[in-house]
Amino acid sequence: MVMNHEIIILTLIFAVMIGSIFLTILKKRRRSAKSIYKLIDDLEKKYIY
């Protein structure tokens, strides 16, 4: 059985591209506790005071 190496290589490249895009989205969405407290504080100042 002969494997088509081009398909395997293209599949690996595609998987790496999707993985890197997924990781960059996760890094952008992650917030530290400090930034969350700052966001809550800003919202309190805007709407309560």
N, C-alpha and C. Protein backbone atom coordinates (compact mmCIF):
# COMPACT_ATOMS: atom_id res chain seq x y z
N MET A 1 0.85 -1.18 0.00
CA MET A 1 0.00 0.00 0.00
C MET A 1 0.89 1.25 0.00
N VAL A 2 0.73 2.07 -0.99
CA VAL A 2 1.56 3.26 -1.14
C VAL A 2 0.82 4.44 -0.54
N MET A 3 1.52 5.17 0.35
CA MET A 3 0.92 6.36 0.98
C MET A 3 1.29 7.59 0.18
N ASN A 4 0.35 8.48 0.08
CA ASN A 4 0.61 9.73 -0.61
C ASN A 4 1.20 10.72 0.40
N HIS A 5 2.49 10.98 0.29
CA HIS A 5 3.19 11.81 1.28
C HIS A 5 2.75 13.27 1.19
N GLU A 6 2.32 13.72 0.02
CA GLU A 6 1.90 15.11 -0.10
C GLU A 6 0.66 15.38 0.74
N ILE A 7 -0.27 14.43 0.74
CA ILE A 7 -1.50 14.61 1.54
C ILE A 7 -1.16 14.62 3.03
N ILE A 8 -0.24 13.75 3.45
CA ILE A 8 0.15 13.71 4.87
C ILE A 8 0.81 15.02 5.27
N ILE A 9 1.70 15.54 4.45
CA ILE A 9 2.40 16.79 4.76
C ILE A 9 1.42 17.96 4.81
N LEU A 10 0.51 18.02 3.84
CA LEU A 10 -0.48 19.11 3.83
C LEU A 10 -1.41 19.03 5.04
N THR A 11 -1.77 17.81 5.44
CA THR A 11 -2.62 17.65 6.62
C THR A 11 -1.90 18.13 7.88
N LEU A 12 -0.62 17.81 8.00
CA LEU A 12 0.16 18.26 9.17
C LEU A 12 0.27 19.78 9.20
N ILE A 13 0.54 20.38 8.05
CA ILE A 13 0.65 21.84 7.99
C ILE A 13 -0.68 22.48 8.36
N PHE A 14 -1.77 21.93 7.84
CA PHE A 14 -3.10 22.45 8.15
C PHE A 14 -3.40 22.33 9.65
N ALA A 15 -3.04 21.21 10.25
CA ALA A 15 -3.29 21.01 11.69
C ALA A 15 -2.47 21.99 12.53
N VAL A 16 -1.24 22.24 12.13
CA VAL A 16 -0.39 23.19 12.87
C VAL A 16 -0.94 24.60 12.75
N MET A 17 -1.42 24.96 11.57
CA MET A 17 -2.00 26.30 11.39
C MET A 17 -3.24 26.47 12.25
N ILE A 18 -4.13 25.50 12.27
CA ILE A 18 -5.34 25.59 13.09
C ILE A 18 -4.98 25.63 14.58
N GLY A 19 -4.01 24.83 14.99
CA GLY A 19 -3.58 24.85 16.38
C GLY A 19 -3.01 26.19 16.80
N SER A 20 -2.21 26.80 15.95
CA SER A 20 -1.63 28.09 16.30
C SER A 20 -2.69 29.18 16.36
N ILE A 21 -3.66 29.15 15.45
CA ILE A 21 -4.75 30.13 15.49
C ILE A 21 -5.57 29.96 16.77
N PHE A 22 -5.84 28.71 17.14
CA PHE A 22 -6.60 28.43 18.35
C PHE A 22 -5.87 28.94 19.59
N LEU A 23 -4.55 28.73 19.64
CA LEU A 23 -3.79 29.19 20.80
C LEU A 23 -3.73 30.71 20.89
N THR A 24 -3.62 31.38 19.75
CA THR A 24 -3.60 32.85 19.80
C THR A 24 -4.94 33.40 20.26
N ILE A 25 -6.03 32.78 19.85
CA ILE A 25 -7.35 33.22 20.31
C ILE A 25 -7.48 33.01 21.81
N LEU A 26 -7.00 31.87 22.32
CA LEU A 26 -7.07 31.62 23.76
C LEU A 26 -6.25 32.62 24.54
N LYS A 27 -5.07 32.97 24.04
CA LYS A 27 -4.23 33.93 24.76
C LYS A 27 -4.86 35.31 24.80
N LYS A 28 -5.55 35.70 23.73
CA LYS A 28 -6.18 37.01 23.71
C LYS A 28 -7.37 37.07 24.65
N ARG A 29 -8.10 35.96 24.79
CA ARG A 29 -9.30 35.95 25.61
C ARG A 29 -9.00 35.84 27.10
N ARG A 30 -7.84 35.33 27.46
CA ARG A 30 -7.50 35.13 28.87
C ARG A 30 -7.24 36.48 29.53
N ARG A 31 -7.84 36.69 30.69
CA ARG A 31 -7.64 37.93 31.44
C ARG A 31 -7.08 37.58 32.82
N SER A 32 -6.20 38.43 33.28
CA SER A 32 -5.68 38.23 34.62
C SER A 32 -6.68 38.77 35.64
N ALA A 33 -6.50 38.37 36.88
CA ALA A 33 -7.41 38.82 37.94
C ALA A 33 -7.32 40.34 38.10
N LYS A 34 -6.13 40.89 37.93
CA LYS A 34 -5.95 42.32 38.08
C LYS A 34 -6.76 43.09 37.03
N SER A 35 -6.76 42.62 35.80
CA SER A 35 -7.51 43.32 34.77
C SER A 35 -9.01 43.18 34.98
N ILE A 36 -9.46 42.05 35.52
CA ILE A 36 -10.89 41.87 35.81
C ILE A 36 -11.33 42.83 36.91
N TYR A 37 -10.51 42.97 37.98
CA TYR A 37 -10.86 43.90 39.05
C TYR A 37 -10.88 45.34 38.54
N LYS A 38 -9.96 45.68 37.66
CA LYS A 38 -9.94 47.02 37.08
C LYS A 38 -11.19 47.26 36.24
N LEU A 39 -11.60 46.26 35.48
CA LEU A 39 -12.80 46.39 34.66
C LEU A 39 -14.04 46.59 35.53
N ILE A 40 -14.15 45.83 36.62
CA ILE A 40 -15.29 45.98 37.53
C ILE A 40 -15.27 47.36 38.19
N ASP A 41 -14.08 47.81 38.58
CA ASP A 41 -13.95 49.12 39.21
C ASP A 41 -14.37 50.23 38.25
N ASP A 42 -13.93 50.12 36.99
CA ASP A 42 -14.30 51.13 36.00
C ASP A 42 -15.81 51.14 35.76
N LEU A 43 -16.43 49.98 35.72
CA LEU A 43 -17.87 49.91 35.51
C LEU A 43 -18.63 50.49 36.69
N GLU A 44 -18.13 50.24 37.92
CA GLU A 44 -18.77 50.82 39.09
C GLU A 44 -18.68 52.34 39.06
N LYS A 45 -17.54 52.87 38.68
CA LYS A 45 -17.39 54.33 38.62
C LYS A 45 -18.31 54.92 37.56
N LYS A 46 -18.48 54.20 36.46
CA LYS A 46 -19.28 54.75 35.36
C LYS A 46 -20.78 54.73 35.68
N TYR A 47 -21.24 53.65 36.29
CA TYR A 47 -22.70 53.49 36.43
C TYR A 47 -23.23 53.77 37.84
N ILE A 48 -22.38 53.72 38.85
CA ILE A 48 -22.89 53.88 40.21
C ILE A 48 -22.61 55.28 40.74
N TYR A 49 -21.40 55.76 40.57
CA TYR A 49 -21.05 57.05 41.15
C TYR A 49 -21.43 58.19 40.24
